[in-house]
Amino acid sequence: MKIYLVVILLFTASSAFSQELFTNVKSGDICLFLGNLSMDGQRAKVLDHGEIRWVERKHLEQIGLFSTTDFINEVFRNNLQFEMGGYEPFWEAHLANNLLMFTDSETGKETAYPVRMVTTGNPAENHIFFMFGDKQGNVFGLVDYVGLADPAEQQYCEYNLVEDEALMYSVFITVGNRAYKGCATIKTTKNSK
């Protein structure tokens, strides 16, 4: 519990974080960058009219930023979720609407954890960072977005299990007394159309 409080204090003392909002200069549509690039870095995964699409980066022009809170609300409002996973050991989890579904790597058992999200609403920097945890202290996690950069200097999550996408969200989760590290992507929820 002490670690959780220290991280919250560090989080609230740091600057706020945000996510890129673009216009597609080819179509004129406004779209929200979801944090994935194609492996060659030429296409970006965006939310466009409530749908996940891949758009050529050369057609995207940044017009603003969403705060972390607004970004997460937009993701969940569109029936999307953060799909997380990693290795050493292999694990997976899904986060949507304040519910974390974590699959134990050894037993394959899926457990639901109602979680509280901790975010900030100020789009001061080009970065997403948020934490989540349950009231009982059984699960705690944080998601950190590395941000878009010049393609020659672009960073990605180093624990990526997805072979055809470069992911920009790093995830760290503690379940019980075991820590897991991995990456996250944004996908449609299982119960959406």
C-alpha atoms as a PDB file:
ATOM      1  CA  MET A   1       0.000   0.000   0.000  1.00  0.00           C
ATOM      2  CA  LYS A   2       2.904   2.379   0.699  1.00  0.00           C
ATOM      3  CA  ILE A   3       4.237   1.882  -2.834  1.00  0.00           C
ATOM      4  CA  TYR A   4       0.790   2.699  -4.265  1.00  0.00           C
ATOM      5  CA  LEU A   5       0.669   5.994  -2.314  1.00  0.00           C
ATOM      6  CA  VAL A   6       4.201   6.956  -3.350  1.00  0.00           C
ATOM      7  CA  VAL A   7       3.395   6.339  -7.021  1.00  0.00           C
ATOM      8  CA  ILE A   8       0.189   8.396  -6.742  1.00  0.00           C
ATOM      9  CA  LEU A   9       2.130  11.272  -5.172  1.00  0.00           C
ATOM     10  CA  LEU A  10       4.755  11.120  -7.915  1.00  0.00           C
ATOM     11  CA  PHE A  11       2.025  10.951 -10.544  1.00  0.00           C
ATOM     12  CA  THR A  12       0.102  13.953  -9.255  1.00  0.00           C
ATOM     13  CA  ALA A  13       3.319  15.969  -8.856  1.00  0.00           C
ATOM     14  CA  SER A  14       4.401  15.340 -12.454  1.00  0.00           C
ATOM     15  CA  SER A  15       3.117  17.237 -15.451  1.00  0.00           C
ATOM     16  CA  ALA A  16      -0.091  16.182 -17.170  1.00  0.00           C
ATOM     17  CA  PHE A  17      -0.231  13.965 -20.225  1.00  0.00           C
ATOM     18  CA  SER A  18      -2.233  13.827 -23.461  1.00  0.00           C
ATOM     19  CA  GLN A  19      -2.925  12.012 -26.764  1.00  0.00           C
ATOM     20  CA  GLU A  20      -2.670  13.288 -30.332  1.00  0.00           C
ATOM     21  CA  LEU A  21      -5.728  14.418 -32.289  1.00  0.00           C
ATOM     22  CA  PHE A  22      -5.324  14.565 -36.093  1.00  0.00           C
ATOM     23  CA  THR A  23      -7.121  15.572 -39.220  1.00  0.00           C
ATOM     24  CA  ASN A  24      -6.795  13.293 -42.209  1.00  0.00           C
ATOM     25  CA  VAL A  25      -5.784  15.809 -44.883  1.00  0.00           C
ATOM     26  CA  LYS A  26      -6.921  13.406 -47.609  1.00  0.00           C
ATOM     27  CA  SER A  27     -10.483  12.895 -46.278  1.00  0.00           C
ATOM     28  CA  GLY A  28     -10.886  15.892 -43.954  1.00  0.00           C
ATOM     29  CA  ASP A  29     -11.919  13.598 -41.080  1.00  0.00           C
ATOM     30  CA  ILE A  30     -10.819  14.211 -37.499  1.00  0.00           C
ATOM     31  CA  CYS A  31      -9.280  11.158 -35.881  1.00  0.00           C
ATOM     32  CA  LEU A  32      -7.642  10.161 -32.620  1.00  0.00           C
ATOM     33  CA  PHE A  33      -4.281   8.357 -32.638  1.00  0.00           C
ATOM     34  CA  LEU A  34      -4.555   5.054 -30.710  1.00  0.00           C
ATOM     35  CA  GLY A  35      -0.870   4.407 -30.094  1.00  0.00           C
ATOM     36  CA  ASN A  36       0.113   1.855 -32.738  1.00  0.00           C
ATOM     37  CA  LEU A  37       2.134   2.115 -35.912  1.00  0.00           C
ATOM     38  CA  SER A  38       2.713  -0.381 -38.678  1.00  0.00           C
ATOM     39  CA  MET A  39       6.082  -2.119 -38.389  1.00  0.00           C
ATOM     40  CA  ASP A  40       7.495   0.107 -41.141  1.00  0.00           C
ATOM     41  CA  GLY A  41       6.226   3.206 -39.277  1.00  0.00           C
ATOM     42  CA  GLN A  42       4.293   4.469 -42.302  1.00  0.00           C
ATOM     43  CA  ARG A  43       0.707   3.845 -41.078  1.00  0.00           C
ATOM     44  CA  ALA A  44      -0.968   4.872 -37.818  1.00  0.00           C
ATOM     45  CA  LYS A  45      -3.863   3.214 -36.000  1.00  0.00           C
ATOM     46  CA  VAL A  46      -6.608   5.811 -35.388  1.00  0.00           C
ATOM     47  CA  LEU A  47     -10.174   6.093 -34.149  1.00  0.00           C
ATOM     48  CA  ASP A  48     -12.169   7.614 -37.014  1.00  0.00           C
ATOM     49  CA  HIS A  49     -15.982   7.949 -36.784  1.00  0.00           C
ATOM     50  CA  GLY A  50     -16.090   5.317 -34.016  1.00  0.00           C
ATOM     51  CA  GLU A  51     -14.080   2.780 -36.040  1.00  0.00           C
ATOM     52  CA  ILE A  52     -10.457   1.662 -35.796  1.00  0.00           C
ATOM     53  CA  ARG A  53      -8.643   2.365 -39.059  1.00  0.00           C
ATOM     54  CA  TRP A  54      -5.100   2.392 -40.393  1.00  0.00           C
ATOM     55  CA  VAL A  55      -4.117   5.673 -42.072  1.00  0.00           C
ATOM     56  CA  GLU A  56      -0.918   6.676 -43.846  1.00  0.00           C
ATOM     57  CA  ARG A  57       1.050   8.941 -41.474  1.00  0.00           C
ATOM     58  CA  LYS A  58       1.802  11.339 -44.343  1.00  0.00           C
ATOM     59  CA  HIS A  59      -1.964  12.074 -44.524  1.00  0.00           C
ATOM     60  CA  LEU A  60      -2.235  12.989 -40.825  1.00  0.00           C
ATOM     61  CA  GLU A  61      -1.835  16.527 -39.536  1.00  0.00           C
ATOM     62  CA  GLN A  62      -1.897  17.098 -35.785  1.00  0.00           C
ATOM     63  CA  ILE A  63      -4.560  19.597 -34.741  1.00  0.00           C
ATOM     64  CA  GLY A  64      -4.713  19.120 -30.995  1.00  0.00           C
ATOM     65  CA  LEU A  65      -4.381  16.932 -27.948  1.00  0.00           C
ATOM     66  CA  PHE A  66      -6.814  14.980 -25.784  1.00  0.00           C
ATOM     67  CA  SER A  67      -6.166  14.897 -22.064  1.00  0.00           C
ATOM     68  CA  THR A  68      -5.574  11.448 -20.608  1.00  0.00           C
ATOM     69  CA  THR A  69      -9.040  11.492 -19.010  1.00  0.00           C
ATOM     70  CA  ASP A  70     -10.771  12.554 -22.235  1.00  0.00           C
ATOM     71  CA  PHE A  71      -8.775  10.003 -24.240  1.00  0.00           C
ATOM     72  CA  ILE A  72      -9.719   7.104 -21.936  1.00  0.00           C
ATOM     73  CA  ASN A  73     -13.367   8.227 -21.899  1.00  0.00           C
ATOM     74  CA  GLU A  74     -13.366   8.322 -25.727  1.00  0.00           C
ATOM     75  CA  VAL A  75     -11.812   4.843 -25.914  1.00  0.00           C
ATOM     76  CA  PHE A  76     -14.405   3.311 -23.543  1.00  0.00           C
ATOM     77  CA  ARG A  77     -17.326   5.284 -25.055  1.00  0.00           C
ATOM     78  CA  ASN A  78     -16.528   3.660 -28.409  1.00  0.00           C
ATOM     79  CA  ASN A  79     -16.574   0.106 -26.944  1.00  0.00           C
ATOM     80  CA  LEU A  80     -12.809  -0.194 -27.121  1.00  0.00           C
ATOM     81  CA  GLN A  81     -10.458  -1.679 -24.532  1.00  0.00           C
ATOM     82  CA  PHE A  82      -6.790  -1.798 -23.670  1.00  0.00           C
ATOM     83  CA  GLU A  83      -5.570  -5.293 -24.533  1.00  0.00           C
ATOM     84  CA  MET A  84      -2.396  -6.051 -22.585  1.00  0.00           C
ATOM     85  CA  GLY A  85       0.143  -8.851 -22.625  1.00  0.00           C
ATOM     86  CA  GLY A  86       3.719  -9.786 -21.973  1.00  0.00           C
ATOM     87  CA  TYR A  87       6.155 -12.585 -21.434  1.00  0.00           C
ATOM     88  CA  GLU A  88       8.480 -14.001 -18.777  1.00  0.00           C
ATOM     89  CA  PRO A  89       5.919 -15.242 -17.768  1.00  0.00           C
ATOM     90  CA  PHE A  90       3.352 -14.999 -20.576  1.00  0.00           C
ATOM     91  CA  TRP A  91       0.239 -13.151 -19.421  1.00  0.00           C
ATOM     92  CA  GLU A  92      -2.722 -11.216 -20.793  1.00  0.00           C
ATOM     93  CA  ALA A  93      -5.324  -8.783 -19.525  1.00  0.00           C
ATOM     94  CA  HIS A  94      -8.083  -6.525 -20.828  1.00  0.00           C
ATOM     95  CA  LEU A  95      -9.044  -3.154 -19.338  1.00  0.00           C
ATOM     96  CA  ALA A  96     -12.381  -1.546 -20.158  1.00  0.00           C
ATOM     97  CA  ASN A  97     -14.799   0.631 -18.209  1.00  0.00           C
ATOM     98  CA  ASN A  98     -13.062   0.251 -14.827  1.00  0.00           C
ATOM     99  CA  LEU A  99     -12.834  -3.538 -15.073  1.00  0.00           C
ATOM    100  CA  LEU A 100      -9.576  -5.453 -15.483  1.00  0.00           C
ATOM    101  CA  MET A 101      -9.846  -9.039 -16.717  1.00  0.00           C
ATOM    102  CA  PHE A 102      -6.533 -10.759 -15.906  1.00  0.00           C
ATOM    103  CA  THR A 103      -5.641 -14.256 -17.139  1.00  0.00           C
ATOM    104  CA  ASP A 104      -3.268 -16.233 -14.913  1.00  0.00           C
ATOM    105  CA  SER A 105      -0.379 -17.521 -17.027  1.00  0.00           C
ATOM    106  CA  GLU A 106      -0.068 -20.821 -15.138  1.00  0.00           C
ATOM    107  CA  THR A 107      -3.710 -21.844 -14.688  1.00  0.00           C
ATOM    108  CA  GLY A 108      -5.369 -20.044 -17.606  1.00  0.00           C
ATOM    109  CA  LYS A 109      -8.018 -18.791 -15.140  1.00  0.00           C
ATOM    110  CA  GLU A 110      -9.489 -15.380 -15.898  1.00  0.00           C
ATOM    111  CA  THR A 111     -10.251 -13.128 -12.906  1.00  0.00           C
ATOM    112  CA  ALA A 112     -12.250  -9.890 -12.926  1.00  0.00           C
ATOM    113  CA  TYR A 113     -11.007  -6.956 -10.845  1.00  0.00           C
ATOM    114  CA  PRO A 114     -13.141  -3.813 -10.524  1.00  0.00           C
ATOM    115  CA  VAL A 115     -10.532  -1.041 -10.666  1.00  0.00           C
ATOM    116  CA  ARG A 116     -10.384   2.688 -10.127  1.00  0.00           C
ATOM    117  CA  MET A 117      -8.542   4.732 -12.767  1.00  0.00           C
ATOM    118  CA  VAL A 118      -6.252   7.596 -11.751  1.00  0.00           C
ATOM    119  CA  THR A 119      -5.733  10.165 -14.520  1.00  0.00           C
ATOM    120  CA  THR A 120      -5.213  13.863 -15.025  1.00  0.00           C
ATOM    121  CA  GLY A 121      -7.152  16.127 -17.370  1.00  0.00           C
ATOM    122  CA  ASN A 122      -4.555  18.659 -18.546  1.00  0.00           C
ATOM    123  CA  PRO A 123      -3.155  18.182 -22.085  1.00  0.00           C
ATOM    124  CA  ALA A 124       0.206  19.831 -21.312  1.00  0.00           C
ATOM    125  CA  GLU A 125       2.459  17.227 -22.910  1.00  0.00           C
ATOM    126  CA  ASN A 126       2.340  14.725 -25.737  1.00  0.00           C
ATOM    127  CA  HIS A 127       2.078  11.729 -23.401  1.00  0.00           C
ATOM    128  CA  ILE A 128      -0.435   9.353 -21.767  1.00  0.00           C
ATOM    129  CA  PHE A 129       0.181   7.995 -18.284  1.00  0.00           C
ATOM    130  CA  PHE A 130      -2.475   6.497 -16.021  1.00  0.00           C
ATOM    131  CA  MET A 131      -2.762   4.065 -13.156  1.00  0.00           C
ATOM    132  CA  PHE A 132      -5.429   1.665 -11.976  1.00  0.00           C
ATOM    133  CA  GLY A 133      -5.972  -0.498  -8.928  1.00  0.00           C
ATOM    134  CA  ASP A 134      -8.622  -2.294  -6.904  1.00  0.00           C
ATOM    135  CA  LYS A 135      -9.767  -1.301  -3.396  1.00  0.00           C
ATOM    136  CA  GLN A 136      -8.416  -4.482  -1.798  1.00  0.00           C
ATOM    137  CA  GLY A 137      -4.868  -3.935  -3.078  1.00  0.00           C
ATOM    138  CA  ASN A 138      -4.870  -7.204  -5.056  1.00  0.00           C
ATOM    139  CA  VAL A 139      -4.068  -5.516  -8.366  1.00  0.00           C
ATOM    140  CA  PHE A 140      -2.214  -2.350  -9.293  1.00  0.00           C
ATOM    141  CA  GLY A 141      -1.038  -1.236 -12.715  1.00  0.00           C
ATOM    142  CA  LEU A 142       0.155   1.613 -14.824  1.00  0.00           C
ATOM    143  CA  VAL A 143       0.091   2.320 -18.527  1.00  0.00           C
ATOM    144  CA  ASP A 144       2.734   4.591 -20.049  1.00  0.00           C
ATOM    145  CA  TYR A 145       2.661   5.910 -23.625  1.00  0.00           C
ATOM    146  CA  VAL A 146       5.983   6.760 -25.275  1.00  0.00           C
ATOM    147  CA  GLY A 147       4.468   9.240 -27.772  1.00  0.00           C
ATOM    148  CA  LEU A 148       4.913   9.939 -31.452  1.00  0.00           C
ATOM    149  CA  ALA A 149       8.317  11.152 -32.576  1.00  0.00           C
ATOM    150  CA  ASP A 150      10.303  11.607 -35.735  1.00  0.00           C
ATOM    151  CA  PRO A 151      10.306   8.160 -37.439  1.00  0.00           C
ATOM    152  CA  ALA A 152      14.108   7.951 -37.146  1.00  0.00           C
ATOM    153  CA  GLU A 153      13.887   8.456 -33.361  1.00  0.00           C
ATOM    154  CA  GLN A 154      10.570   6.685 -32.643  1.00  0.00           C
ATOM    155  CA  GLN A 155      10.452   4.516 -29.511  1.00  0.00           C
ATOM    156  CA  TYR A 156       8.184   1.505 -28.978  1.00  0.00           C
ATOM    157  CA  CYS A 157       7.244  -0.800 -26.133  1.00  0.00           C
ATOM    158  CA  GLU A 158      10.077  -3.303 -25.794  1.00  0.00           C
ATOM    159  CA  TYR A 159       7.893  -6.200 -24.529  1.00  0.00           C
ATOM    160  CA  ASN A 160       5.768  -6.430 -27.689  1.00  0.00           C
ATOM    161  CA  LEU A 161       4.137  -9.791 -28.501  1.00  0.00           C
ATOM    162  CA  VAL A 162       2.215  -8.465 -31.525  1.00  0.00           C
ATOM    163  CA  GLU A 163       4.201  -9.271 -34.649  1.00  0.00           C
ATOM    164  CA  ASP A 164       2.567  -6.958 -37.179  1.00  0.00           C
ATOM    165  CA  GLU A 165       2.258  -3.724 -35.152  1.00  0.00           C
ATOM    166  CA  ALA A 166       4.651  -1.481 -33.250  1.00  0.00           C
ATOM    167  CA  LEU A 167       3.013  -0.716 -29.881  1.00  0.00           C
ATOM    168  CA  MET A 168       3.620   2.475 -27.934  1.00  0.00           C
ATOM    169  CA  TYR A 169       1.995   1.602 -24.589  1.00  0.00           C
ATOM    170  CA  SER A 170       4.120  -0.053 -21.895  1.00  0.00           C
ATOM    171  CA  VAL A 171       2.217  -1.749 -19.062  1.00  0.00           C
ATOM    172  CA  PHE A 172       3.292  -2.789 -15.587  1.00  0.00           C
ATOM    173  CA  ILE A 173       0.848  -4.769 -13.403  1.00  0.00           C
ATOM    174  CA  THR A 174       1.114  -6.326  -9.972  1.00  0.00           C
ATOM    175  CA  VAL A 175      -1.414  -9.075  -9.215  1.00  0.00           C
ATOM    176  CA  GLY A 176      -1.144 -10.443  -5.689  1.00  0.00           C
ATOM    177  CA  ASN A 177       2.565 -10.460  -5.028  1.00  0.00           C
ATOM    178  CA  ARG A 178       3.663 -11.036  -8.635  1.00  0.00           C
ATOM    179  CA  ALA A 179       4.746  -8.304 -11.074  1.00  0.00           C
ATOM    180  CA  TYR A 180       4.143  -8.429 -14.833  1.00  0.00           C
ATOM    181  CA  LYS A 181       5.472  -6.184 -17.587  1.00  0.00           C
ATOM    182  CA  GLY A 182       4.261  -5.938 -21.140  1.00  0.00           C
ATOM    183  CA  CYS A 183       2.658  -3.820 -23.841  1.00  0.00           C
ATOM    184  CA  ALA A 184      -0.873  -2.702 -24.635  1.00  0.00           C
ATOM    185  CA  THR A 185      -2.874  -2.041 -27.750  1.00  0.00           C
ATOM    186  CA  ILE A 186      -6.407  -0.720 -28.177  1.00  0.00           C
ATOM    187  CA  LYS A 187      -8.989  -3.048 -29.724  1.00  0.00           C
ATOM    188  CA  THR A 188     -12.736  -3.522 -29.834  1.00  0.00           C
ATOM    189  CA  THR A 189     -14.317  -5.159 -26.789  1.00  0.00           C
ATOM    190  CA  LYS A 190     -15.510  -8.741 -27.086  1.00  0.00           C
ATOM    191  CA  ASN A 191     -19.154  -7.732 -26.603  1.00  0.00           C
ATOM    192  CA  SER A 192     -19.197  -4.930 -29.177  1.00  0.00           C
ATOM    193  CA  LYS A 193     -20.360  -5.414 -32.727  1.00  0.00           C
END
